[in-house]
Amino acid sequence: MSESHLRGFFWLFVAGATGGAFVLPMKFIRRWKWEHTWLVYSILSFFVMLPMVALLTVPKAWQVYQACSTHVLLIVILNGAGWGAGSVLFGLGVDALGMALGFSMMTGIYTALGTLVPLVVLTPDLLWTQNGLFIIAGNFVTIVGVVFCAVAGDVRNRDVPQTNTPTQLGIHFSFPIALTICILAGVFSAMLNFAFAFGSPMIDAARQFGYTKDDGATVLWLLAIVAGGILNVGYCFYLFQRNNNWSMLWRRTAPWDWFHATMMAVLWTVSLFVYGWGANDLGRLGPALGWSLWNAILIITTFVCGWLTHEWKGSPRNAVRLLLGGIVLLLVATVLLGVGGAGA
């Protein structure tokens, strides 16, 4: 195994750990509603931290965009906007079903799609090889794992209808609606990897200006994330107008909520950049192999966080067993996806 691959695996581990923990501070928000937390997180991560890093590392980003075709720009922007819709739904899904169930389900779905679609489009010749069959098997196991988690949640909710911690939106979604939100969030969230995989000519354009592949990824992330960030902030503004609760942002009791939302932004931004580094170090299969390995660590991290914060306290044993079975299946799926990608 080359030094580049080892470095890539290390960065993907860091990316998975930070990305998996990024919603953990949300559980400690006490005064704010969901829209307050998500607005501060979105503005800081999408419109402050990301542009600052881009400005420092790629000061001629605008020239890179000018060097790209309209087709490439639209691919990155539209997939970024799709990811933005998924991001909003992702926040709602975590709020509705918690970290152990909601995050794991959504991660499993977008891991499968984010791995399979780039392979089908970019390397169709690999689909019916041994490695391609690993990819197909990984997607099938992912679906089964999601079903296990869904059944576990249904069993839990029949015995424990109220969650231990009230949702920030103040809405107790029915389980079918919460499940639908999580499925849609998984599908749309996969579009972030589509922007990375199919927007690779933008990274090549950045290298023509003397930048590294990692710098090129920064240029790509900036365009995609800002496009998606507009939807995140817009939805928060809609909720503010509907609920008329702007003033809660500035109450004396809000400093700790500001801190926790800021930590969410820091963890998410670190995870995004480090994922790009790791995927670039894995070479041609970075978007597929890197995506699956990143999300394997995400699933482990979120499961541990959800379990340690007692999300499933008081749940019946059969619900816990189903959840654990689903998590194991999702982990097996990510391994299958990774093996398929590694050998391709």
C-alpha atoms as a PDB file:
ATOM      1  CA  MET A   1       0.000   0.000   0.000  1.00  0.00           C
ATOM      2  CA  SER A   2       1.428   3.354  -1.025  1.00  0.00           C
ATOM      3  CA  GLU A   3       2.122   6.263   1.302  1.00  0.00           C
ATOM      4  CA  SER A   4      -0.572   8.251  -0.517  1.00  0.00           C
ATOM      5  CA  HIS A   5      -3.184   5.583   0.248  1.00  0.00           C
ATOM      6  CA  LEU A   6      -2.185   5.398   3.915  1.00  0.00           C
ATOM      7  CA  ARG A   7      -2.447   9.157   4.181  1.00  0.00           C
ATOM      8  CA  GLY A   8      -5.839   9.005   2.476  1.00  0.00           C
ATOM      9  CA  PHE A   9      -7.156   6.412   4.939  1.00  0.00           C
ATOM     10  CA  PHE A  10      -5.944   8.535   7.860  1.00  0.00           C
ATOM     11  CA  TRP A  11      -7.704  11.664   6.584  1.00  0.00           C
ATOM     12  CA  LEU A  12     -10.890   9.703   5.941  1.00  0.00           C
ATOM     13  CA  PHE A  13     -10.832   8.415   9.516  1.00  0.00           C
ATOM     14  CA  VAL A  14     -10.518  11.981  10.815  1.00  0.00           C
ATOM     15  CA  ALA A  15     -13.266  13.119   8.439  1.00  0.00           C
ATOM     16  CA  GLY A  16     -15.594  10.347   9.582  1.00  0.00           C
ATOM     17  CA  ALA A  17     -15.019  11.024  13.280  1.00  0.00           C
ATOM     18  CA  THR A  18     -15.601  14.778  12.997  1.00  0.00           C
ATOM     19  CA  GLY A  19     -18.495  14.403  10.561  1.00  0.00           C
ATOM     20  CA  GLY A  20     -20.196  11.787  12.697  1.00  0.00           C
ATOM     21  CA  ALA A  21     -19.972  13.990  15.781  1.00  0.00           C
ATOM     22  CA  PHE A  22     -21.055  17.253  14.161  1.00  0.00           C
ATOM     23  CA  VAL A  23     -24.712  16.993  15.244  1.00  0.00           C
ATOM     24  CA  LEU A  24     -23.811  15.953  18.810  1.00  0.00           C
ATOM     25  CA  PRO A  25     -23.690  19.587  20.078  1.00  0.00           C
ATOM     26  CA  MET A  26     -27.273  19.952  18.825  1.00  0.00           C
ATOM     27  CA  LYS A  27     -28.387  17.687  21.666  1.00  0.00           C
ATOM     28  CA  PHE A  28     -27.145  20.247  24.208  1.00  0.00           C
ATOM     29  CA  ILE A  29     -29.056  23.218  22.810  1.00  0.00           C
ATOM     30  CA  ARG A  30     -31.389  24.354  25.597  1.00  0.00           C
ATOM     31  CA  ARG A  31     -33.096  27.629  24.663  1.00  0.00           C
ATOM     32  CA  TRP A  32     -33.115  27.738  20.895  1.00  0.00           C
ATOM     33  CA  LYS A  33     -35.464  26.064  18.487  1.00  0.00           C
ATOM     34  CA  TRP A  34     -34.236  24.048  15.509  1.00  0.00           C
ATOM     35  CA  GLU A  35     -34.209  27.066  13.176  1.00  0.00           C
ATOM     36  CA  HIS A  36     -31.925  29.081  15.481  1.00  0.00           C
ATOM     37  CA  THR A  37     -29.381  26.290  15.693  1.00  0.00           C
ATOM     38  CA  TRP A  38     -29.483  25.472  11.985  1.00  0.00           C
ATOM     39  CA  LEU A  39     -29.235  29.126  10.915  1.00  0.00           C
ATOM     40  CA  VAL A  40     -26.122  29.837  12.991  1.00  0.00           C
ATOM     41  CA  TYR A  41     -24.532  26.544  11.945  1.00  0.00           C
ATOM     42  CA  SER A  42     -25.331  27.171   8.264  1.00  0.00           C
ATOM     43  CA  ILE A  43     -24.075  30.750   8.144  1.00  0.00           C
ATOM     44  CA  LEU A  44     -20.858  29.965   9.988  1.00  0.00           C
ATOM     45  CA  SER A  45     -19.975  26.823   8.042  1.00  0.00           C
ATOM     46  CA  PHE A  46     -21.266  27.645   4.543  1.00  0.00           C
ATOM     47  CA  PHE A  47     -20.777  31.410   4.332  1.00  0.00           C
ATOM     48  CA  VAL A  48     -17.988  32.238   6.811  1.00  0.00           C
ATOM     49  CA  MET A  49     -15.561  29.364   7.432  1.00  0.00           C
ATOM     50  CA  LEU A  50     -15.603  27.830   3.946  1.00  0.00           C
ATOM     51  CA  PRO A  51     -15.103  31.164   2.075  1.00  0.00           C
ATOM     52  CA  MET A  52     -12.356  32.164   4.512  1.00  0.00           C
ATOM     53  CA  VAL A  53     -10.408  28.968   3.833  1.00  0.00           C
ATOM     54  CA  ALA A  54     -10.984  29.371   0.092  1.00  0.00           C
ATOM     55  CA  LEU A  55      -9.804  32.985   0.158  1.00  0.00           C
ATOM     56  CA  LEU A  56      -6.625  32.043   2.002  1.00  0.00           C
ATOM     57  CA  THR A  57      -5.743  28.969  -0.065  1.00  0.00           C
ATOM     58  CA  VAL A  58      -7.160  29.784  -3.508  1.00  0.00           C
ATOM     59  CA  PRO A  59      -7.200  33.576  -3.940  1.00  0.00           C
ATOM     60  CA  LYS A  60      -7.857  33.221  -7.694  1.00  0.00           C
ATOM     61  CA  ALA A  61     -10.905  30.997  -7.318  1.00  0.00           C
ATOM     62  CA  TRP A  62     -12.947  33.247  -9.593  1.00  0.00           C
ATOM     63  CA  GLN A  63     -10.482  32.688 -12.425  1.00  0.00           C
ATOM     64  CA  VAL A  64     -10.880  28.940 -11.985  1.00  0.00           C
ATOM     65  CA  TYR A  65     -14.642  29.279 -12.371  1.00  0.00           C
ATOM     66  CA  GLN A  66     -14.155  31.354 -15.522  1.00  0.00           C
ATOM     67  CA  ALA A  67     -11.950  28.621 -16.970  1.00  0.00           C
ATOM     68  CA  CYS A  68     -14.687  25.987 -16.492  1.00  0.00           C
ATOM     69  CA  SER A  69     -17.445  25.269 -18.999  1.00  0.00           C
ATOM     70  CA  THR A  70     -21.047  26.189 -18.227  1.00  0.00           C
ATOM     71  CA  HIS A  71     -21.819  22.465 -18.119  1.00  0.00           C
ATOM     72  CA  VAL A  72     -19.345  21.814 -15.302  1.00  0.00           C
ATOM     73  CA  LEU A  73     -20.516  24.862 -13.349  1.00  0.00           C
ATOM     74  CA  LEU A  74     -24.138  23.724 -13.588  1.00  0.00           C
ATOM     75  CA  ILE A  75     -23.254  20.207 -12.474  1.00  0.00           C
ATOM     76  CA  VAL A  76     -21.592  21.534  -9.333  1.00  0.00           C
ATOM     77  CA  ILE A  77     -24.268  24.152  -8.596  1.00  0.00           C
ATOM     78  CA  LEU A  78     -27.298  21.904  -9.165  1.00  0.00           C
ATOM     79  CA  ASN A  79     -25.858  19.018  -7.171  1.00  0.00           C
ATOM     80  CA  GLY A  80     -24.884  21.467  -4.456  1.00  0.00           C
ATOM     81  CA  ALA A  81     -28.447  22.797  -4.370  1.00  0.00           C
ATOM     82  CA  GLY A  82     -29.770  19.231  -4.174  1.00  0.00           C
ATOM     83  CA  TRP A  83     -27.433  18.556  -1.283  1.00  0.00           C
ATOM     84  CA  GLY A  84     -28.750  21.747   0.369  1.00  0.00           C
ATOM     85  CA  ALA A  85     -32.283  20.326   0.303  1.00  0.00           C
ATOM     86  CA  GLY A  86     -30.914  17.090   1.723  1.00  0.00           C
ATOM     87  CA  SER A  87     -29.083  18.996   4.445  1.00  0.00           C
ATOM     88  CA  VAL A  88     -32.304  20.645   5.632  1.00  0.00           C
ATOM     89  CA  LEU A  89     -34.065  17.281   5.642  1.00  0.00           C
ATOM     90  CA  PHE A  90     -31.025  15.760   7.393  1.00  0.00           C
ATOM     91  CA  GLY A  91     -31.366  18.211  10.279  1.00  0.00           C
ATOM     92  CA  LEU A  92     -35.070  17.474  10.511  1.00  0.00           C
ATOM     93  CA  GLY A  93     -34.382  13.736  10.412  1.00  0.00           C
ATOM     94  CA  VAL A  94     -31.894  13.851  13.280  1.00  0.00           C
ATOM     95  CA  ASP A  95     -34.328  16.014  15.259  1.00  0.00           C
ATOM     96  CA  ALA A  96     -37.170  13.568  14.597  1.00  0.00           C
ATOM     97  CA  LEU A  97     -35.474  10.179  15.042  1.00  0.00           C
ATOM     98  CA  GLY A  98     -32.236  10.921  16.936  1.00  0.00           C
ATOM     99  CA  MET A  99     -28.592  10.190  16.201  1.00  0.00           C
ATOM    100  CA  ALA A 100     -28.509   6.412  16.588  1.00  0.00           C
ATOM    101  CA  LEU A 101     -31.476   5.754  14.292  1.00  0.00           C
ATOM    102  CA  GLY A 102     -31.962   8.826  12.095  1.00  0.00           C
ATOM    103  CA  PHE A 103     -28.320   9.607  11.332  1.00  0.00           C
ATOM    104  CA  SER A 104     -27.468   5.964  10.680  1.00  0.00           C
ATOM    105  CA  MET A 105     -30.379   5.480   8.275  1.00  0.00           C
ATOM    106  CA  MET A 106     -29.656   8.627   6.299  1.00  0.00           C
ATOM    107  CA  THR A 107     -25.941   7.869   6.194  1.00  0.00           C
ATOM    108  CA  GLY A 108     -26.585   4.336   4.953  1.00  0.00           C
ATOM    109  CA  ILE A 109     -28.772   5.579   2.092  1.00  0.00           C
ATOM    110  CA  TYR A 110     -26.451   8.287   0.840  1.00  0.00           C
ATOM    111  CA  THR A 111     -23.417   6.037   1.266  1.00  0.00           C
ATOM    112  CA  ALA A 112     -24.926   3.540  -1.165  1.00  0.00           C
ATOM    113  CA  LEU A 113     -26.075   6.125  -3.702  1.00  0.00           C
ATOM    114  CA  GLY A 114     -22.944   8.247  -3.417  1.00  0.00           C
ATOM    115  CA  THR A 115     -20.799   5.199  -4.126  1.00  0.00           C
ATOM    116  CA  LEU A 116     -22.839   3.430  -6.784  1.00  0.00           C
ATOM    117  CA  VAL A 117     -23.840   6.336  -9.043  1.00  0.00           C
ATOM    118  CA  PRO A 118     -20.294   7.645  -9.702  1.00  0.00           C
ATOM    119  CA  LEU A 119     -19.128   4.105 -10.448  1.00  0.00           C
ATOM    120  CA  VAL A 120     -22.001   3.491 -12.875  1.00  0.00           C
ATOM    121  CA  VAL A 121     -21.448   6.776 -14.704  1.00  0.00           C
ATOM    122  CA  LEU A 122     -17.668   7.104 -14.554  1.00  0.00           C
ATOM    123  CA  THR A 123     -16.586   3.449 -14.753  1.00  0.00           C
ATOM    124  CA  PRO A 124     -19.477   1.389 -16.215  1.00  0.00           C
ATOM    125  CA  ASP A 125     -17.017  -1.263 -17.395  1.00  0.00           C
ATOM    126  CA  LEU A 126     -16.474  -2.296 -13.759  1.00  0.00           C
ATOM    127  CA  LEU A 127     -20.120  -2.967 -12.897  1.00  0.00           C
ATOM    128  CA  TRP A 128     -20.311  -6.673 -13.796  1.00  0.00           C
ATOM    129  CA  THR A 129     -16.821  -7.551 -12.680  1.00  0.00           C
ATOM    130  CA  GLN A 130     -16.121  -9.115  -9.289  1.00  0.00           C
ATOM    131  CA  ASN A 131     -15.525  -5.662  -7.841  1.00  0.00           C
ATOM    132  CA  GLY A 132     -18.735  -4.342  -9.355  1.00  0.00           C
ATOM    133  CA  LEU A 133     -20.668  -7.171  -7.746  1.00  0.00           C
ATOM    134  CA  PHE A 134     -19.221  -6.151  -4.377  1.00  0.00           C
ATOM    135  CA  ILE A 135     -20.641  -2.682  -4.986  1.00  0.00           C
ATOM    136  CA  ILE A 136     -24.085  -4.055  -5.877  1.00  0.00           C
ATOM    137  CA  ALA A 137     -24.029  -6.353  -2.832  1.00  0.00           C
ATOM    138  CA  GLY A 138     -23.073  -3.414  -0.631  1.00  0.00           C
ATOM    139  CA  ASN A 139     -26.062  -1.436  -1.846  1.00  0.00           C
ATOM    140  CA  PHE A 140     -28.411  -4.362  -1.245  1.00  0.00           C
ATOM    141  CA  VAL A 141     -27.110  -4.872   2.300  1.00  0.00           C
ATOM    142  CA  THR A 142     -27.493  -1.145   2.909  1.00  0.00           C
ATOM    143  CA  ILE A 143     -31.191  -1.320   2.032  1.00  0.00           C
ATOM    144  CA  VAL A 144     -31.671  -4.311   4.360  1.00  0.00           C
ATOM    145  CA  GLY A 145     -29.841  -2.459   7.137  1.00  0.00           C
ATOM    146  CA  VAL A 146     -32.074   0.587   6.686  1.00  0.00           C
ATOM    147  CA  VAL A 147     -35.156  -1.672   6.935  1.00  0.00           C
ATOM    148  CA  PHE A 148     -33.824  -3.168  10.196  1.00  0.00           C
ATOM    149  CA  CYS A 149     -33.314   0.316  11.647  1.00  0.00           C
ATOM    150  CA  ALA A 150     -36.769   1.413  10.511  1.00  0.00           C
ATOM    151  CA  VAL A 151     -38.447  -1.588  12.147  1.00  0.00           C
ATOM    152  CA  ALA A 152     -36.413  -0.983  15.322  1.00  0.00           C
ATOM    153  CA  GLY A 153     -37.660   2.596  15.445  1.00  0.00           C
ATOM    154  CA  ASP A 154     -41.256   1.512  14.956  1.00  0.00           C
ATOM    155  CA  VAL A 155     -40.973  -1.050  17.778  1.00  0.00           C
ATOM    156  CA  ARG A 156     -39.383   1.533  20.064  1.00  0.00           C
ATOM    157  CA  ASN A 157     -42.027   4.147  19.345  1.00  0.00           C
ATOM    158  CA  ARG A 158     -44.859   1.737  20.129  1.00  0.00           C
ATOM    159  CA  ASP A 159     -43.386   1.190  23.614  1.00  0.00           C
ATOM    160  CA  VAL A 160     -41.791   4.617  24.164  1.00  0.00           C
ATOM    161  CA  PRO A 161     -43.943   7.080  22.187  1.00  0.00           C
ATOM    162  CA  GLN A 162     -42.233  10.203  23.539  1.00  0.00           C
ATOM    163  CA  THR A 163     -38.494  10.649  23.050  1.00  0.00           C
ATOM    164  CA  ASN A 164     -36.364  11.299  26.102  1.00  0.00           C
ATOM    165  CA  THR A 165     -35.441  14.722  24.777  1.00  0.00           C
ATOM    166  CA  PRO A 166     -38.067  16.948  23.101  1.00  0.00           C
ATOM    167  CA  THR A 167     -37.333  17.873  19.525  1.00  0.00           C
ATOM    168  CA  GLN A 168     -36.138  21.385  18.835  1.00  0.00           C
ATOM    169  CA  LEU A 169     -38.910  21.951  16.306  1.00  0.00           C
ATOM    170  CA  GLY A 170     -41.462  21.155  18.974  1.00  0.00           C
ATOM    171  CA  ILE A 171     -43.102  18.725  16.541  1.00  0.00           C
ATOM    172  CA  HIS A 172     -43.452  15.028  17.249  1.00  0.00           C
ATOM    173  CA  PHE A 173     -43.558  13.572  13.738  1.00  0.00           C
ATOM    174  CA  SER A 174     -45.395  10.323  13.235  1.00  0.00           C
ATOM    175  CA  PHE A 175     -42.936   7.542  12.535  1.00  0.00           C
ATOM    176  CA  PRO A 176     -43.924   7.134   8.844  1.00  0.00           C
ATOM    177  CA  ILE A 177     -43.399  10.861   8.226  1.00  0.00           C
ATOM    178  CA  ALA A 178     -40.088  10.872  10.100  1.00  0.00           C
ATOM    179  CA  LEU A 179     -39.010   7.817   8.100  1.00  0.00           C
ATOM    180  CA  THR A 180     -39.920   9.543   4.823  1.00  0.00           C
ATOM    181  CA  ILE A 181     -37.913  12.605   5.828  1.00  0.00           C
ATOM    182  CA  CYS A 182     -34.866  10.439   6.521  1.00  0.00           C
ATOM    183  CA  ILE A 183     -35.133   8.565   3.209  1.00  0.00           C
ATOM    184  CA  LEU A 184     -35.402  11.795   1.208  1.00  0.00           C
ATOM    185  CA  ALA A 185     -32.531  13.284   3.208  1.00  0.00           C
ATOM    186  CA  GLY A 186     -30.336  10.311   2.319  1.00  0.00           C
ATOM    187  CA  VAL A 187     -31.161  10.543  -1.390  1.00  0.00           C
ATOM    188  CA  PHE A 188     -30.561  14.287  -1.702  1.00  0.00           C
ATOM    189  CA  SER A 189     -27.486  14.292   0.557  1.00  0.00           C
ATOM    190  CA  ALA A 190     -25.729  11.903  -1.840  1.00  0.00           C
ATOM    191  CA  MET A 191     -25.672  14.752  -4.372  1.00  0.00           C
ATOM    192  CA  LEU A 192     -22.752  16.329  -2.508  1.00  0.00           C
ATOM    193  CA  ASN A 193     -20.572  13.453  -3.688  1.00  0.00           C
ATOM    194  CA  PHE A 194     -22.036  13.769  -7.178  1.00  0.00           C
ATOM    195  CA  ALA A 195     -20.774  17.356  -7.248  1.00  0.00           C
ATOM    196  CA  PHE A 196     -17.317  16.135  -6.231  1.00  0.00           C
ATOM    197  CA  ALA A 197     -17.248  13.177  -8.628  1.00  0.00           C
ATOM    198  CA  PHE A 198     -18.734  14.801 -11.715  1.00  0.00           C
ATOM    199  CA  GLY A 199     -17.237  18.228 -11.075  1.00  0.00           C
ATOM    200  CA  SER A 200     -13.663  16.912 -11.296  1.00  0.00           C
ATOM    201  CA  PRO A 201     -12.899  19.093 -14.380  1.00  0.00           C
ATOM    202  CA  MET A 202     -13.056  22.033 -11.998  1.00  0.00           C
ATOM    203  CA  ILE A 203     -10.238  20.499  -9.963  1.00  0.00           C
ATOM    204  CA  ASP A 204      -8.262  20.015 -13.175  1.00  0.00           C
ATOM    205  CA  ALA A 205      -8.864  23.661 -14.078  1.00  0.00           C
ATOM    206  CA  ALA A 206      -7.499  24.757 -10.703  1.00  0.00           C
ATOM    207  CA  ARG A 207      -4.313  22.771 -11.311  1.00  0.00           C
ATOM    208  CA  GLN A 208      -3.772  24.745 -14.522  1.00  0.00           C
ATOM    209  CA  PHE A 209      -3.383  27.828 -12.323  1.00  0.00           C
ATOM    210  CA  GLY A 210      -0.718  26.122 -10.226  1.00  0.00           C
ATOM    211  CA  TYR A 211      -2.963  24.922  -7.394  1.00  0.00           C
ATOM    212  CA  THR A 212      -2.948  21.436  -5.872  1.00  0.00           C
ATOM    213  CA  LYS A 213      -5.772  18.916  -6.140  1.00  0.00           C
ATOM    214  CA  ASP A 214      -6.763  19.750  -2.559  1.00  0.00           C
ATOM    215  CA  ASP A 215      -6.969  23.436  -3.468  1.00  0.00           C
ATOM    216  CA  GLY A 216      -9.080  22.490  -6.472  1.00  0.00           C
ATOM    217  CA  ALA A 217     -11.437  20.592  -4.185  1.00  0.00           C
ATOM    218  CA  THR A 218     -11.756  23.741  -2.072  1.00  0.00           C
ATOM    219  CA  VAL A 219     -12.856  25.699  -5.154  1.00  0.00           C
ATOM    220  CA  LEU A 220     -15.436  23.018  -5.945  1.00  0.00           C
ATOM    221  CA  TRP A 221     -16.743  22.843  -2.376  1.00  0.00           C
ATOM    222  CA  LEU A 222     -17.134  26.615  -2.245  1.00  0.00           C
ATOM    223  CA  LEU A 223     -19.464  26.699  -5.249  1.00  0.00           C
ATOM    224  CA  ALA A 224     -21.467  23.594  -4.305  1.00  0.00           C
ATOM    225  CA  ILE A 225     -21.843  24.403  -0.613  1.00  0.00           C
ATOM    226  CA  VAL A 226     -22.822  28.030  -1.131  1.00  0.00           C
ATOM    227  CA  ALA A 227     -25.526  26.887  -3.600  1.00  0.00           C
ATOM    228  CA  GLY A 228     -26.871  24.431  -1.042  1.00  0.00           C
ATOM    229  CA  GLY A 229     -26.365  26.812   1.862  1.00  0.00           C
ATOM    230  CA  ILE A 230     -28.830  29.289   0.377  1.00  0.00           C
ATOM    231  CA  LEU A 231     -31.615  26.700   0.761  1.00  0.00           C
ATOM    232  CA  ASN A 232     -30.604  25.979   4.369  1.00  0.00           C
ATOM    233  CA  VAL A 233     -30.656  29.644   5.372  1.00  0.00           C
ATOM    234  CA  GLY A 234     -33.843  30.304   3.396  1.00  0.00           C
ATOM    235  CA  TYR A 235     -35.708  27.551   5.203  1.00  0.00           C
ATOM    236  CA  CYS A 236     -34.586  28.933   8.565  1.00  0.00           C
ATOM    237  CA  PHE A 237     -35.849  32.392   7.586  1.00  0.00           C
ATOM    238  CA  TYR A 238     -39.196  30.832   6.687  1.00  0.00           C
ATOM    239  CA  LEU A 239     -39.433  29.241  10.129  1.00  0.00           C
ATOM    240  CA  PHE A 240     -38.497  32.520  11.822  1.00  0.00           C
ATOM    241  CA  GLN A 241     -41.264  34.311   9.978  1.00  0.00           C
ATOM    242  CA  ARG A 242     -43.779  31.580  10.751  1.00  0.00           C
ATOM    243  CA  ASN A 243     -42.881  31.301  14.439  1.00  0.00           C
ATOM    244  CA  ASN A 244     -41.934  34.962  15.027  1.00  0.00           C
ATOM    245  CA  ASN A 245     -39.061  34.012  17.331  1.00  0.00           C
ATOM    246  CA  TRP A 246     -36.061  36.015  16.069  1.00  0.00           C
ATOM    247  CA  SER A 247     -35.469  37.498  19.535  1.00  0.00           C
ATOM    248  CA  MET A 248     -34.472  34.130  21.003  1.00  0.00           C
ATOM    249  CA  LEU A 249     -31.108  34.437  19.228  1.00  0.00           C
ATOM    250  CA  TRP A 250     -30.095  37.337  21.471  1.00  0.00           C
ATOM    251  CA  ARG A 251     -31.393  36.353  24.897  1.00  0.00           C
ATOM    252  CA  ARG A 252     -28.967  36.342  27.804  1.00  0.00           C
ATOM    253  CA  THR A 253     -29.373  32.600  28.151  1.00  0.00           C
ATOM    254  CA  ALA A 254     -28.240  31.990  24.556  1.00  0.00           C
ATOM    255  CA  PRO A 255     -24.383  32.109  24.773  1.00  0.00           C
ATOM    256  CA  TRP A 256     -24.028  28.353  25.315  1.00  0.00           C
ATOM    257  CA  ASP A 257     -26.389  27.713  22.417  1.00  0.00           C
ATOM    258  CA  TRP A 258     -24.173  29.932  20.240  1.00  0.00           C
ATOM    259  CA  PHE A 259     -21.173  27.906  21.361  1.00  0.00           C
ATOM    260  CA  HIS A 260     -22.776  24.561  20.520  1.00  0.00           C
ATOM    261  CA  ALA A 261     -23.955  25.765  17.093  1.00  0.00           C
ATOM    262  CA  THR A 262     -20.442  27.070  16.404  1.00  0.00           C
ATOM    263  CA  MET A 263     -18.963  23.685  17.322  1.00  0.00           C
ATOM    264  CA  MET A 264     -21.331  22.057  14.840  1.00  0.00           C
ATOM    265  CA  ALA A 265     -19.999  24.371  12.124  1.00  0.00           C
ATOM    266  CA  VAL A 266     -16.371  23.689  13.024  1.00  0.00           C
ATOM    267  CA  LEU A 267     -16.791  19.905  13.064  1.00  0.00           C
ATOM    268  CA  TRP A 268     -18.713  19.859   9.781  1.00  0.00           C
ATOM    269  CA  THR A 269     -16.267  22.154   7.983  1.00  0.00           C
ATOM    270  CA  VAL A 270     -13.264  20.113   9.128  1.00  0.00           C
ATOM    271  CA  SER A 271     -14.958  16.909   7.998  1.00  0.00           C
ATOM    272  CA  LEU A 272     -15.697  18.303   4.532  1.00  0.00           C
ATOM    273  CA  PHE A 273     -12.167  19.504   3.830  1.00  0.00           C
ATOM    274  CA  VAL A 274     -10.496  16.428   5.257  1.00  0.00           C
ATOM    275  CA  TYR A 275     -12.772  14.158   3.201  1.00  0.00           C
ATOM    276  CA  GLY A 276     -11.579  15.958   0.072  1.00  0.00           C
ATOM    277  CA  TRP A 277      -7.948  15.438   1.093  1.00  0.00           C
ATOM    278  CA  GLY A 278      -8.503  11.738   1.764  1.00  0.00           C
ATOM    279  CA  ALA A 279     -10.450  11.118  -1.447  1.00  0.00           C
ATOM    280  CA  ASN A 280      -7.796  12.895  -3.513  1.00  0.00           C
ATOM    281  CA  ASP A 281      -5.070  10.750  -1.962  1.00  0.00           C
ATOM    282  CA  LEU A 282      -6.923   7.592  -3.061  1.00  0.00           C
ATOM    283  CA  GLY A 283      -6.662   8.582  -6.722  1.00  0.00           C
ATOM    284  CA  ARG A 284      -9.142   7.581  -9.438  1.00  0.00           C
ATOM    285  CA  LEU A 285     -11.514   5.757  -7.106  1.00  0.00           C
ATOM    286  CA  GLY A 286     -11.482   8.420  -4.422  1.00  0.00           C
ATOM    287  CA  PRO A 287     -15.122   9.492  -4.920  1.00  0.00           C
ATOM    288  CA  ALA A 288     -16.360   5.898  -4.551  1.00  0.00           C
ATOM    289  CA  LEU A 289     -13.942   4.255  -2.136  1.00  0.00           C
ATOM    290  CA  GLY A 290     -13.371   7.409  -0.093  1.00  0.00           C
ATOM    291  CA  TRP A 291     -17.093   8.066   0.222  1.00  0.00           C
ATOM    292  CA  SER A 292     -17.844   4.572   1.542  1.00  0.00           C
ATOM    293  CA  LEU A 293     -14.974   4.557   4.039  1.00  0.00           C
ATOM    294  CA  TRP A 294     -15.800   8.057   5.256  1.00  0.00           C
ATOM    295  CA  ASN A 295     -19.350   7.018   5.983  1.00  0.00           C
ATOM    296  CA  ALA A 296     -18.330   3.776   7.695  1.00  0.00           C
ATOM    297  CA  ILE A 297     -16.600   5.870  10.343  1.00  0.00           C
ATOM    298  CA  LEU A 298     -19.589   8.251  10.364  1.00  0.00           C
ATOM    299  CA  ILE A 299     -21.949   5.407  11.230  1.00  0.00           C
ATOM    300  CA  ILE A 300     -19.741   4.122  14.046  1.00  0.00           C
ATOM    301  CA  THR A 301     -19.313   7.606  15.499  1.00  0.00           C
ATOM    302  CA  THR A 302     -22.992   8.532  15.406  1.00  0.00           C
ATOM    303  CA  PHE A 303     -24.043   5.206  16.877  1.00  0.00           C
ATOM    304  CA  VAL A 304     -21.630   5.653  19.778  1.00  0.00           C
ATOM    305  CA  CYS A 305     -22.772   9.260  20.328  1.00  0.00           C
ATOM    306  CA  GLY A 306     -26.446   8.317  20.247  1.00  0.00           C
ATOM    307  CA  TRP A 307     -25.934   5.402  22.606  1.00  0.00           C
ATOM    308  CA  LEU A 308     -23.860   7.389  25.100  1.00  0.00           C
ATOM    309  CA  THR A 309     -26.494  10.133  25.221  1.00  0.00           C
ATOM    310  CA  HIS A 310     -29.172   7.568  26.167  1.00  0.00           C
ATOM    311  CA  GLU A 311     -31.387   7.952  23.098  1.00  0.00           C
ATOM    312  CA  TRP A 312     -32.522   4.358  23.455  1.00  0.00           C
ATOM    313  CA  LYS A 313     -32.842   4.257  27.231  1.00  0.00           C
ATOM    314  CA  GLY A 314     -35.950   2.334  28.255  1.00  0.00           C
ATOM    315  CA  SER A 315     -36.462   0.823  24.811  1.00  0.00           C
ATOM    316  CA  PRO A 316     -37.568  -2.841  24.622  1.00  0.00           C
ATOM    317  CA  ARG A 317     -34.818  -5.374  24.081  1.00  0.00           C
ATOM    318  CA  ASN A 318     -36.094  -6.530  20.719  1.00  0.00           C
ATOM    319  CA  ALA A 319     -35.966  -2.927  19.437  1.00  0.00           C
ATOM    320  CA  VAL A 320     -32.362  -2.590  20.598  1.00  0.00           C
ATOM    321  CA  ARG A 321     -31.442  -5.916  19.008  1.00  0.00           C
ATOM    322  CA  LEU A 322     -33.005  -4.831  15.716  1.00  0.00           C
ATOM    323  CA  LEU A 323     -31.142  -1.515  15.869  1.00  0.00           C
ATOM    324  CA  LEU A 324     -27.831  -3.246  16.558  1.00  0.00           C
ATOM    325  CA  GLY A 325     -28.515  -5.663  13.705  1.00  0.00           C
ATOM    326  CA  GLY A 326     -29.244  -2.762  11.375  1.00  0.00           C
ATOM    327  CA  ILE A 327     -26.076  -0.929  12.393  1.00  0.00           C
ATOM    328  CA  VAL A 328     -24.010  -4.085  11.841  1.00  0.00           C
ATOM    329  CA  LEU A 329     -25.569  -4.540   8.397  1.00  0.00           C
ATOM    330  CA  LEU A 330     -24.809  -0.922   7.486  1.00  0.00           C
ATOM    331  CA  LEU A 331     -21.200  -1.424   8.547  1.00  0.00           C
ATOM    332  CA  VAL A 332     -20.978  -4.638   6.524  1.00  0.00           C
ATOM    333  CA  ALA A 333     -22.391  -2.740   3.561  1.00  0.00           C
ATOM    334  CA  THR A 334     -19.759  -0.033   3.781  1.00  0.00           C
ATOM    335  CA  VAL A 335     -17.046  -2.700   3.964  1.00  0.00           C
ATOM    336  CA  LEU A 336     -18.438  -4.383   0.825  1.00  0.00           C
ATOM    337  CA  LEU A 337     -18.567  -1.037  -0.944  1.00  0.00           C
ATOM    338  CA  GLY A 338     -15.017  -0.282   0.124  1.00  0.00           C
ATOM    339  CA  VAL A 339     -13.696  -3.680  -0.972  1.00  0.00           C
ATOM    340  CA  GLY A 340     -15.387  -3.298  -4.331  1.00  0.00           C
ATOM    341  CA  GLY A 341     -13.940   0.151  -4.797  1.00  0.00           C
ATOM    342  CA  ALA A 342     -10.473  -0.811  -3.606  1.00  0.00           C
ATOM    343  CA  GLY A 343     -10.093  -3.607  -6.110  1.00  0.00           C
ATOM    344  CA  ALA A 344     -11.566  -1.794  -9.069  1.00  0.00           C
END
